[in-house]
PDB file of N, CA and C in Angstrom:
ATOM      1  N   MET A   1     -14.396 -17.704  66.287  1.00  0.00           N
ATOM      2  CA  MET A   1     -14.574 -16.416  65.656  1.00  0.00           C
ATOM      3  C   MET A   1     -16.060 -16.273  65.319  1.00  0.00           C
ATOM      4  N   THR A   2     -16.616 -15.168  65.674  1.00  0.00           N
ATOM      5  CA  THR A   2     -18.038 -14.948  65.420  1.00  0.00           C
ATOM      6  C   THR A   2     -18.274 -14.658  63.943  1.00  0.00           C
ATOM      7  N   ARG A   3     -19.498 -14.901  63.523  1.00  0.00           N
ATOM      8  CA  ARG A   3     -19.834 -14.675  62.117  1.00  0.00           C
ATOM      9  C   ARG A   3     -19.621 -13.212  61.737  1.00  0.00           C
ATOM     10  N   SER A   4     -20.023 -12.289  62.613  1.00  0.00           N
ATOM     11  CA  SER A   4     -19.878 -10.876  62.279  1.00  0.00           C
ATOM     12  C   SER A   4     -18.407 -10.485  62.130  1.00  0.00           C
ATOM     13  N   LEU A   5     -17.544 -11.088  62.938  1.00  0.00           N
ATOM     14  CA  LEU A   5     -16.118 -10.805  62.805  1.00  0.00           C
ATOM     15  C   LEU A   5     -15.590 -11.383  61.494  1.00  0.00           C
ATOM     16  N   ARG A   6     -16.042 -12.594  61.139  1.00  0.00           N
ATOM     17  CA  ARG A   6     -15.618 -13.180  59.862  1.00  0.00           C
ATOM     18  C   ARG A   6     -16.079 -12.325  58.692  1.00  0.00           C
ATOM     19  N   VAL A   7     -17.310 -11.818  58.769  1.00  0.00           N
ATOM     20  CA  VAL A   7     -17.830 -10.964  57.700  1.00  0.00           C
ATOM     21  C   VAL A   7     -16.975  -9.711  57.576  1.00  0.00           C
ATOM     22  N   ALA A   8     -16.648  -9.108  58.706  1.00  0.00           N
ATOM     23  CA  ALA A   8     -15.835  -7.891  58.692  1.00  0.00           C
ATOM     24  C   ALA A   8     -14.444  -8.168  58.120  1.00  0.00           C
ATOM     25  N   LEU A   9     -13.830  -9.267  58.539  1.00  0.00           N
ATOM     26  CA  LEU A   9     -12.508  -9.616  58.024  1.00  0.00           C
ATOM     27  C   LEU A   9     -12.558  -9.913  56.534  1.00  0.00           C
ATOM     28  N   PHE A  10     -13.581 -10.650  56.120  1.00  0.00           N
ATOM     29  CA  PHE A  10     -13.727 -10.972  54.706  1.00  0.00           C
ATOM     30  C   PHE A  10     -13.877  -9.699  53.884  1.00  0.00           C
ATOM     31  N   ALA A  11     -14.742  -8.805  54.333  1.00  0.00           N
ATOM     32  CA  ALA A  11     -14.982  -7.560  53.606  1.00  0.00           C
ATOM     33  C   ALA A  11     -13.709  -6.711  53.531  1.00  0.00           C
ATOM     34  N   PHE A  12     -12.917  -6.736  54.600  1.00  0.00           N
ATOM     35  CA  PHE A  12     -11.688  -5.947  54.617  1.00  0.00           C
ATOM     36  C   PHE A  12     -10.635  -6.526  53.681  1.00  0.00           C
ATOM     37  N   PHE A  13     -10.466  -7.861  53.711  1.00  0.00           N
ATOM     38  CA  PHE A  13      -9.384  -8.479  52.961  1.00  0.00           C
ATOM     39  C   PHE A  13      -9.723  -8.814  51.514  1.00  0.00           C
ATOM     40  N   LEU A  14     -10.979  -8.863  51.161  1.00  0.00           N
ATOM     41  CA  LEU A  14     -11.358  -9.240  49.809  1.00  0.00           C
ATOM     42  C   LEU A  14     -10.674  -8.401  48.732  1.00  0.00           C
ATOM     43  N   PRO A  15     -10.608  -7.083  48.889  1.00  0.00           N
ATOM     44  CA  PRO A  15      -9.945  -6.302  47.838  1.00  0.00           C
ATOM     45  C   PRO A  15      -8.465  -6.639  47.669  1.00  0.00           C
ATOM     46  N   PHE A  16      -7.852  -7.222  48.702  1.00  0.00           N
ATOM     47  CA  PHE A  16      -6.430  -7.543  48.636  1.00  0.00           C
ATOM     48  C   PHE A  16      -6.177  -8.962  48.157  1.00  0.00           C
ATOM     49  N   ALA A  17      -7.235  -9.710  47.892  1.00  0.00           N
ATOM     50  CA  ALA A  17      -7.083 -11.107  47.455  1.00  0.00           C
ATOM     51  C   ALA A  17      -6.304 -11.149  46.152  1.00  0.00           C
ATOM     52  N   ALA A  18      -5.480 -12.160  46.047  1.00  0.00           N
ATOM     53  CA  ALA A  18      -4.668 -12.308  44.836  1.00  0.00           C
ATOM     54  C   ALA A  18      -5.561 -12.545  43.629  1.00  0.00           C
ATOM     55  N   THR A  19      -5.225 -11.874  42.551  1.00  0.00           N
ATOM     56  CA  THR A  19      -5.967 -12.062  41.311  1.00  0.00           C
ATOM     57  C   THR A  19      -5.016 -12.545  40.221  1.00  0.00           C
ATOM     58  N   ALA A  20      -4.134 -13.425  40.587  1.00  0.00           N
ATOM     59  CA  ALA A  20      -3.153 -13.942  39.628  1.00  0.00           C
ATOM     60  C   ALA A  20      -3.855 -14.699  38.510  1.00  0.00           C
ATOM     61  N   ALA A  21      -3.234 -14.694  37.349  1.00  0.00           N
ATOM     62  CA  ALA A  21      -3.820 -15.367  36.192  1.00  0.00           C
ATOM     63  C   ALA A  21      -3.891 -16.876  36.406  1.00  0.00           C
ATOM     64  N   SER A  22      -2.936 -17.417  37.139  1.00  0.00           N
ATOM     65  CA  SER A  22      -2.958 -18.860  37.371  1.00  0.00           C
ATOM     66  C   SER A  22      -3.671 -19.164  38.685  1.00  0.00           C
ATOM     67  N   ALA A  23      -4.344 -20.300  38.693  1.00  0.00           N
ATOM     68  CA  ALA A  23      -5.096 -20.719  39.871  1.00  0.00           C
ATOM     69  C   ALA A  23      -4.136 -21.185  40.955  1.00  0.00           C
ATOM     70  N   GLY A  24      -4.567 -21.030  42.210  1.00  0.00           N
ATOM     71  CA  GLY A  24      -3.789 -21.499  43.341  1.00  0.00           C
ATOM     72  C   GLY A  24      -3.993 -22.991  43.549  1.00  0.00           C
ATOM     73  N   ALA A  25      -3.241 -23.541  44.491  1.00  0.00           N
ATOM     74  CA  ALA A  25      -3.275 -24.978  44.762  1.00  0.00           C
ATOM     75  C   ALA A  25      -4.670 -25.451  45.156  1.00  0.00           C
ATOM     76  N   ILE A  26      -5.355 -24.684  45.981  1.00  0.00           N
ATOM     77  CA  ILE A  26      -6.695 -25.066  46.431  1.00  0.00           C
ATOM     78  C   ILE A  26      -7.676 -25.021  45.262  1.00  0.00           C
ATOM     79  N   GLU A  27      -7.613 -23.980  44.468  1.00  0.00           N
ATOM     80  CA  GLU A  27      -8.524 -23.849  43.328  1.00  0.00           C
ATOM     81  C   GLU A  27      -8.331 -24.992  42.338  1.00  0.00           C
ATOM     82  N   ARG A  28      -7.077 -25.326  42.050  1.00  0.00           N
ATOM     83  CA  ARG A  28      -6.804 -26.437  41.125  1.00  0.00           C
ATOM     84  C   ARG A  28      -7.339 -27.751  41.692  1.00  0.00           C
ATOM     85  N   ALA A  29      -7.096 -27.991  42.978  1.00  0.00           N
ATOM     86  CA  ALA A  29      -7.576 -29.227  43.603  1.00  0.00           C
ATOM     87  C   ALA A  29      -9.102 -29.270  43.616  1.00  0.00           C
ATOM     88  N   CYS A  30      -9.717 -28.144  43.867  1.00  0.00           N
ATOM     89  CA  CYS A  30     -11.181 -28.049  43.867  1.00  0.00           C
ATOM     90  C   CYS A  30     -11.728 -28.433  42.497  1.00  0.00           C
ATOM     91  N   MET A  31     -11.148 -27.886  41.446  1.00  0.00           N
ATOM     92  CA  MET A  31     -11.633 -28.164  40.100  1.00  0.00           C
ATOM     93  C   MET A  31     -11.402 -29.624  39.710  1.00  0.00           C
ATOM     94  N   LYS A  32     -10.319 -30.229  40.208  1.00  0.00           N
ATOM     95  CA  LYS A  32     -10.010 -31.620  39.887  1.00  0.00           C
ATOM     96  C   LYS A  32     -10.771 -32.600  40.769  1.00  0.00           C
ATOM     97  N   SER A  33     -11.403 -32.104  41.817  1.00  0.00           N
ATOM     98  CA  SER A  33     -12.043 -32.981  42.795  1.00  0.00           C
ATOM     99  C   SER A  33     -13.225 -33.753  42.232  1.00  0.00           C
ATOM    100  N   GLY A  34     -13.828 -33.228  41.191  1.00  0.00           N
ATOM    101  CA  GLY A  34     -14.984 -33.888  40.613  1.00  0.00           C
ATOM    102  C   GLY A  34     -16.258 -33.677  41.406  1.00  0.00           C
ATOM    103  N   ALA A  35     -16.199 -32.842  42.420  1.00  0.00           N
ATOM    104  CA  ALA A  35     -17.397 -32.556  43.207  1.00  0.00           C
ATOM    105  C   ALA A  35     -18.429 -31.855  42.341  1.00  0.00           C
ATOM    106  N   GLN A  36     -19.681 -32.179  42.550  1.00  0.00           N
ATOM    107  CA  GLN A  36     -20.759 -31.618  41.739  1.00  0.00           C
ATOM    108  C   GLN A  36     -20.800 -30.091  41.836  1.00  0.00           C
ATOM    109  N   ALA A  37     -20.497 -29.547  43.003  1.00  0.00           N
ATOM    110  CA  ALA A  37     -20.549 -28.101  43.213  1.00  0.00           C
ATOM    111  C   ALA A  37     -19.262 -27.396  42.806  1.00  0.00           C
ATOM    112  N   ALA A  38     -18.293 -28.116  42.263  1.00  0.00           N
ATOM    113  CA  ALA A  38     -16.989 -27.547  41.931  1.00  0.00           C
ATOM    114  C   ALA A  38     -17.056 -26.779  40.613  1.00  0.00           C
ATOM    115  N   SER A  39     -17.556 -25.564  40.677  1.00  0.00           N
ATOM    116  CA  SER A  39     -17.596 -24.693  39.504  1.00  0.00           C
ATOM    117  C   SER A  39     -16.415 -23.734  39.580  1.00  0.00           C
ATOM    118  N   PRO A  40     -16.044 -23.123  38.463  1.00  0.00           N
ATOM    119  CA  PRO A  40     -14.943 -22.156  38.509  1.00  0.00           C
ATOM    120  C   PRO A  40     -15.183 -21.041  39.531  1.00  0.00           C
ATOM    121  N   GLY A  41     -16.411 -20.550  39.630  1.00  0.00           N
ATOM    122  CA  GLY A  41     -16.701 -19.474  40.578  1.00  0.00           C
ATOM    123  C   GLY A  41     -16.558 -19.919  42.020  1.00  0.00           C
ATOM    124  N   VAL A  42     -17.088 -21.086  42.336  1.00  0.00           N
ATOM    125  CA  VAL A  42     -16.999 -21.605  43.711  1.00  0.00           C
ATOM    126  C   VAL A  42     -15.548 -21.904  44.060  1.00  0.00           C
ATOM    127  N   CYS A  43     -14.833 -22.553  43.154  1.00  0.00           N
ATOM    128  CA  CYS A  43     -13.432 -22.899  43.424  1.00  0.00           C
ATOM    129  C   CYS A  43     -12.564 -21.651  43.576  1.00  0.00           C
ATOM    130  N   SER A  44     -12.858 -20.620  42.800  1.00  0.00           N
ATOM    131  CA  SER A  44     -12.140 -19.355  42.933  1.00  0.00           C
ATOM    132  C   SER A  44     -12.422 -18.714  44.286  1.00  0.00           C
ATOM    133  N   CYS A  45     -13.673 -18.757  44.710  1.00  0.00           N
ATOM    134  CA  CYS A  45     -14.046 -18.222  46.018  1.00  0.00           C
ATOM    135  C   CYS A  45     -13.307 -18.967  47.128  1.00  0.00           C
ATOM    136  N   ILE A  46     -13.277 -20.296  47.022  1.00  0.00           N
ATOM    137  CA  ILE A  46     -12.591 -21.104  48.025  1.00  0.00           C
ATOM    138  C   ILE A  46     -11.108 -20.750  48.066  1.00  0.00           C
ATOM    139  N   GLN A  47     -10.505 -20.530  46.896  1.00  0.00           N
ATOM    140  CA  GLN A  47      -9.092 -20.134  46.858  1.00  0.00           C
ATOM    141  C   GLN A  47      -8.883 -18.790  47.548  1.00  0.00           C
ATOM    142  N   GLN A  48      -9.793 -17.850  47.334  1.00  0.00           N
ATOM    143  CA  GLN A  48      -9.663 -16.543  47.985  1.00  0.00           C
ATOM    144  C   GLN A  48      -9.700 -16.693  49.501  1.00  0.00           C
ATOM    145  N   ILE A  49     -10.563 -17.558  50.005  1.00  0.00           N
ATOM    146  CA  ILE A  49     -10.627 -17.791  51.446  1.00  0.00           C
ATOM    147  C   ILE A  49      -9.330 -18.452  51.916  1.00  0.00           C
ATOM    148  N   ALA A  50      -8.822 -19.401  51.130  1.00  0.00           N
ATOM    149  CA  ALA A  50      -7.550 -20.047  51.480  1.00  0.00           C
ATOM    150  C   ALA A  50      -6.424 -19.021  51.550  1.00  0.00           C
ATOM    151  N   ASP A  51      -6.405 -18.087  50.600  1.00  0.00           N
ATOM    152  CA  ASP A  51      -5.372 -17.048  50.601  1.00  0.00           C
ATOM    153  C   ASP A  51      -5.427 -16.196  51.864  1.00  0.00           C
ATOM    154  N   GLN A  52      -6.608 -16.051  52.431  1.00  0.00           N
ATOM    155  CA  GLN A  52      -6.782 -15.217  53.622  1.00  0.00           C
ATOM    156  C   GLN A  52      -6.567 -15.987  54.922  1.00  0.00           C
ATOM    157  N   THR A  53      -6.736 -17.310  54.896  1.00  0.00           N
ATOM    158  CA  THR A  53      -6.733 -18.065  56.151  1.00  0.00           C
ATOM    159  C   THR A  53      -5.614 -19.086  56.281  1.00  0.00           C
ATOM    160  N   LEU A  54      -4.950 -19.436  55.178  1.00  0.00           N
ATOM    161  CA  LEU A  54      -3.913 -20.471  55.219  1.00  0.00           C
ATOM    162  C   LEU A  54      -2.609 -19.965  54.620  1.00  0.00           C
ATOM    163  N   THR A  55      -1.501 -20.459  55.152  1.00  0.00           N
ATOM    164  CA  THR A  55      -0.200 -20.156  54.558  1.00  0.00           C
ATOM    165  C   THR A  55      -0.064 -20.936  53.259  1.00  0.00           C
ATOM    166  N   GLY A  56       0.953 -20.621  52.491  1.00  0.00           N
ATOM    167  CA  GLY A  56       1.193 -21.357  51.254  1.00  0.00           C
ATOM    168  C   GLY A  56       1.406 -22.845  51.508  1.00  0.00           C
ATOM    169  N   GLY A  57       2.169 -23.171  52.546  1.00  0.00           N
ATOM    170  CA  GLY A  57       2.395 -24.575  52.893  1.00  0.00           C
ATOM    171  C   GLY A  57       1.111 -25.265  53.305  1.00  0.00           C
ATOM    172  N   ASP A  58       0.305 -24.571  54.094  1.00  0.00           N
ATOM    173  CA  ASP A  58      -0.990 -25.133  54.490  1.00  0.00           C
ATOM    174  C   ASP A  58      -1.880 -25.348  53.275  1.00  0.00           C
ATOM    175  N   GLN A  59      -1.830 -24.424  52.319  1.00  0.00           N
ATOM    176  CA  GLN A  59      -2.646 -24.574  51.114  1.00  0.00           C
ATOM    177  C   GLN A  59      -2.227 -25.801  50.317  1.00  0.00           C
ATOM    178  N   ARG A  60      -0.939 -26.022  50.183  1.00  0.00           N
ATOM    179  CA  ARG A  60      -0.470 -27.201  49.445  1.00  0.00           C
ATOM    180  C   ARG A  60      -0.894 -28.478  50.167  1.00  0.00           C
ATOM    181  N   ARG A  61      -0.788 -28.472  51.483  1.00  0.00           N
ATOM    182  CA  ARG A  61      -1.196 -29.644  52.256  1.00  0.00           C
ATOM    183  C   ARG A  61      -2.709 -29.853  52.162  1.00  0.00           C
ATOM    184  N   ALA A  62      -3.464 -28.789  52.265  1.00  0.00           N
ATOM    185  CA  ALA A  62      -4.924 -28.870  52.184  1.00  0.00           C
ATOM    186  C   ALA A  62      -5.367 -29.353  50.803  1.00  0.00           C
ATOM    187  N   ALA A  63      -4.668 -28.916  49.761  1.00  0.00           N
ATOM    188  CA  ALA A  63      -5.021 -29.341  48.400  1.00  0.00           C
ATOM    189  C   ALA A  63      -4.921 -30.855  48.268  1.00  0.00           C
ATOM    190  N   LYS A  64      -3.966 -31.445  48.935  1.00  0.00           N
ATOM    191  CA  LYS A  64      -3.823 -32.898  48.897  1.00  0.00           C
ATOM    192  C   LYS A  64      -5.017 -33.586  49.554  1.00  0.00           C
ATOM    193  N   LEU A  65      -5.604 -32.934  50.555  1.00  0.00           N
ATOM    194  CA  LEU A  65      -6.752 -33.521  51.243  1.00  0.00           C
ATOM    195  C   LEU A  65      -7.993 -33.537  50.351  1.00  0.00           C
ATOM    196  N   PHE A  66      -8.059 -32.610  49.398  1.00  0.00           N
ATOM    197  CA  PHE A  66      -9.183 -32.581  48.458  1.00  0.00           C
ATOM    198  C   PHE A  66      -9.219 -33.867  47.640  1.00  0.00           C
ATOM    199  N   VAL A  67      -8.056 -34.376  47.274  1.00  0.00           N
ATOM    200  CA  VAL A  67      -8.000 -35.555  46.410  1.00  0.00           C
ATOM    201  C   VAL A  67      -7.780 -36.854  47.171  1.00  0.00           C
ATOM    202  N   ASP A  68      -7.457 -36.770  48.462  1.00  0.00           N
ATOM    203  CA  ASP A  68      -7.227 -37.974  49.270  1.00  0.00           C
ATOM    204  C   ASP A  68      -7.957 -37.848  50.608  1.00  0.00           C
ATOM    205  N   PRO A  69      -9.255 -38.111  50.620  1.00  0.00           N
ATOM    206  CA  PRO A  69     -10.036 -37.987  51.860  1.00  0.00           C
ATOM    207  C   PRO A  69      -9.531 -38.885  52.982  1.00  0.00           C
ATOM    208  N   ASP A  70      -8.908 -40.006  52.646  1.00  0.00           N
ATOM    209  CA  ASP A  70      -8.361 -40.871  53.688  1.00  0.00           C
ATOM    210  C   ASP A  70      -7.255 -40.159  54.464  1.00  0.00           C
ATOM    211  N   GLU A  71      -6.458 -39.374  53.758  1.00  0.00           N
ATOM    212  CA  GLU A  71      -5.404 -38.614  54.432  1.00  0.00           C
ATOM    213  C   GLU A  71      -6.009 -37.559  55.349  1.00  0.00           C
ATOM    214  N   ALA A  72      -7.112 -36.972  54.932  1.00  0.00           N
ATOM    215  CA  ALA A  72      -7.788 -35.997  55.794  1.00  0.00           C
ATOM    216  C   ALA A  72      -8.195 -36.654  57.109  1.00  0.00           C
ATOM    217  N   GLN A  73      -8.715 -37.859  57.032  1.00  0.00           N
ATOM    218  CA  GLN A  73      -9.104 -38.581  58.246  1.00  0.00           C
ATOM    219  C   GLN A  73      -7.880 -38.888  59.105  1.00  0.00           C
ATOM    220  N   ASN A  74      -6.771 -39.257  58.473  1.00  0.00           N
ATOM    221  CA  ASN A  74      -5.540 -39.527  59.222  1.00  0.00           C
ATOM    222  C   ASN A  74      -5.059 -38.290  59.965  1.00  0.00           C
ATOM    223  N   VAL A  75      -5.093 -37.151  59.296  1.00  0.00           N
ATOM    224  CA  VAL A  75      -4.657 -35.902  59.932  1.00  0.00           C
ATOM    225  C   VAL A  75      -5.601 -35.541  61.070  1.00  0.00           C
ATOM    226  N   ARG A  76      -6.884 -35.678  60.832  1.00  0.00           N
ATOM    227  CA  ARG A  76      -7.875 -35.330  61.851  1.00  0.00           C
ATOM    228  C   ARG A  76      -7.719 -36.180  63.107  1.00  0.00           C
ATOM    229  N   MET A  77      -7.369 -37.429  62.945  1.00  0.00           N
ATOM    230  CA  MET A  77      -7.247 -38.348  64.075  1.00  0.00           C
ATOM    231  C   MET A  77      -5.847 -38.390  64.677  1.00  0.00           C
ATOM    232  N   SER A  78      -4.901 -37.681  64.070  1.00  0.00           N
ATOM    233  CA  SER A  78      -3.513 -37.706  64.503  1.00  0.00           C
ATOM    234  C   SER A  78      -3.350 -37.171  65.929  1.00  0.00           C
ATOM    235  N   LYS A  79      -2.346 -37.668  66.599  1.00  0.00           N
ATOM    236  CA  LYS A  79      -2.012 -37.190  67.940  1.00  0.00           C
ATOM    237  C   LYS A  79      -0.858 -36.168  67.888  1.00  0.00           C
ATOM    238  N   SER A  80      -0.362 -35.901  66.715  1.00  0.00           N
ATOM    239  CA  SER A  80       0.743 -34.963  66.527  1.00  0.00           C
ATOM    240  C   SER A  80       0.276 -33.528  66.759  1.00  0.00           C
ATOM    241  N   ASN A  81       1.062 -32.771  67.506  1.00  0.00           N
ATOM    242  CA  ASN A  81       0.727 -31.363  67.751  1.00  0.00           C
ATOM    243  C   ASN A  81       0.674 -30.564  66.455  1.00  0.00           C
ATOM    244  N   SER A  82       1.603 -30.828  65.541  1.00  0.00           N
ATOM    245  CA  SER A  82       1.607 -30.076  64.279  1.00  0.00           C
ATOM    246  C   SER A  82       0.389 -30.439  63.426  1.00  0.00           C
ATOM    247  N   ASP A  83       0.013 -31.711  63.411  1.00  0.00           N
ATOM    248  CA  ASP A  83      -1.193 -32.106  62.677  1.00  0.00           C
ATOM    249  C   ASP A  83      -2.433 -31.478  63.304  1.00  0.00           C
ATOM    250  N   ASN A  84      -2.496 -31.449  64.629  1.00  0.00           N
ATOM    251  CA  ASN A  84      -3.642 -30.849  65.311  1.00  0.00           C
ATOM    252  C   ASN A  84      -3.735 -29.349  65.023  1.00  0.00           C
ATOM    253  N   ALA A  85      -2.597 -28.676  65.002  1.00  0.00           N
ATOM    254  CA  ALA A  85      -2.589 -27.241  64.704  1.00  0.00           C
ATOM    255  C   ALA A  85      -3.028 -27.005  63.257  1.00  0.00           C
ATOM    256  N   PHE A  86      -2.510 -27.830  62.337  1.00  0.00           N
ATOM    257  CA  PHE A  86      -2.930 -27.709  60.945  1.00  0.00           C
ATOM    258  C   PHE A  86      -4.426 -27.960  60.822  1.00  0.00           C
ATOM    259  N   TRP A  87      -4.919 -28.999  61.501  1.00  0.00           N
ATOM    260  CA  TRP A  87      -6.338 -29.333  61.391  1.00  0.00           C
ATOM    261  C   TRP A  87      -7.213 -28.185  61.884  1.00  0.00           C
ATOM    262  N   ALA A  88      -6.786 -27.499  62.933  1.00  0.00           N
ATOM    263  CA  ALA A  88      -7.553 -26.347  63.436  1.00  0.00           C
ATOM    264  C   ALA A  88      -7.609 -25.244  62.387  1.00  0.00           C
ATOM    265  N   ARG A  89      -6.469 -24.977  61.739  1.00  0.00           N
ATOM    266  CA  ARG A  89      -6.448 -23.953  60.680  1.00  0.00           C
ATOM    267  C   ARG A  89      -7.282 -24.402  59.480  1.00  0.00           C
ATOM    268  N   TYR A  90      -7.181 -25.673  59.127  1.00  0.00           N
ATOM    269  CA  TYR A  90      -7.935 -26.214  57.996  1.00  0.00           C
ATOM    270  C   TYR A  90      -9.435 -26.165  58.275  1.00  0.00           C
ATOM    271  N   LYS A  91      -9.825 -26.493  59.488  1.00  0.00           N
ATOM    272  CA  LYS A  91     -11.231 -26.454  59.880  1.00  0.00           C
ATOM    273  C   LYS A  91     -11.768 -25.025  59.800  1.00  0.00           C
ATOM    274  N   ASN A  92     -10.997 -24.063  60.287  1.00  0.00           N
ATOM    275  CA  ASN A  92     -11.391 -22.656  60.195  1.00  0.00           C
ATOM    276  C   ASN A  92     -11.556 -22.242  58.730  1.00  0.00           C
ATOM    277  N   PHE A  93     -10.607 -22.644  57.899  1.00  0.00           N
ATOM    278  CA  PHE A  93     -10.687 -22.365  56.466  1.00  0.00           C
ATOM    279  C   PHE A  93     -11.979 -22.940  55.884  1.00  0.00           C
ATOM    280  N   GLY A  94     -12.250 -24.195  56.178  1.00  0.00           N
ATOM    281  CA  GLY A  94     -13.441 -24.856  55.642  1.00  0.00           C
ATOM    282  C   GLY A  94     -14.733 -24.200  56.087  1.00  0.00           C
ATOM    283  N   GLU A  95     -14.798 -23.843  57.362  1.00  0.00           N
ATOM    284  CA  GLU A  95     -16.004 -23.192  57.893  1.00  0.00           C
ATOM    285  C   GLU A  95     -16.195 -21.826  57.249  1.00  0.00           C
ATOM    286  N   THR A  96     -15.106 -21.100  57.084  1.00  0.00           N
ATOM    287  CA  THR A  96     -15.180 -19.771  56.482  1.00  0.00           C
ATOM    288  C   THR A  96     -15.583 -19.875  55.015  1.00  0.00           C
ATOM    289  N   ALA A  97     -14.975 -20.804  54.291  1.00  0.00           N
ATOM    290  CA  ALA A  97     -15.313 -21.001  52.875  1.00  0.00           C
ATOM    291  C   ALA A  97     -16.778 -21.399  52.729  1.00  0.00           C
ATOM    292  N   GLU A  98     -17.269 -22.220  53.629  1.00  0.00           N
ATOM    293  CA  GLU A  98     -18.670 -22.634  53.553  1.00  0.00           C
ATOM    294  C   GLU A  98     -19.600 -21.432  53.704  1.00  0.00           C
ATOM    295  N   VAL A  99     -19.258 -20.523  54.610  1.00  0.00           N
ATOM    296  CA  VAL A  99     -20.095 -19.342  54.839  1.00  0.00           C
ATOM    297  C   VAL A  99     -20.119 -18.447  53.604  1.00  0.00           C
ATOM    298  N   TYR A 100     -18.965 -18.222  52.985  1.00  0.00           N
ATOM    299  CA  TYR A 100     -18.871 -17.237  51.903  1.00  0.00           C
ATOM    300  C   TYR A 100     -19.025 -17.806  50.502  1.00  0.00           C
ATOM    301  N   CYS A 101     -18.784 -19.092  50.338  1.00  0.00           N
ATOM    302  CA  CYS A 101     -18.761 -19.644  48.985  1.00  0.00           C
ATOM    303  C   CYS A 101     -19.925 -20.569  48.659  1.00  0.00           C
ATOM    304  N   ALA A 102     -20.695 -20.926  49.651  1.00  0.00           N
ATOM    305  CA  ALA A 102     -21.842 -21.815  49.389  1.00  0.00           C
ATOM    306  C   ALA A 102     -22.864 -21.078  48.537  1.00  0.00           C
ATOM    307  N   GLY A 103     -23.343 -21.754  47.516  1.00  0.00           N
ATOM    308  CA  GLY A 103     -24.291 -21.153  46.593  1.00  0.00           C
ATOM    309  C   GLY A 103     -25.612 -21.022  47.197  1.00  0.00           C
TER     310      GLY A 103
END
């Protein structure tokens, strides 16, 4: 997906992003990750991208990867078709979040 297409999609879907009072699975995992860049604003942005690019099940699975990097490596190296499909979606999510949420 080209950057201009991602920008257009982001701009279109941003107003529809969930604004629930409780944080999503990705946002909670981001805040618990202990990463230096894990601020409420950045984690909220990452959650918004997750809401646009991942299903609820994918979000729960991805949240586990935030706290268990070894599992991320296992999924990335897996020969399973379902793991490979998830990894492609997760990679797209990560690339998109990096573009829009990096400070």
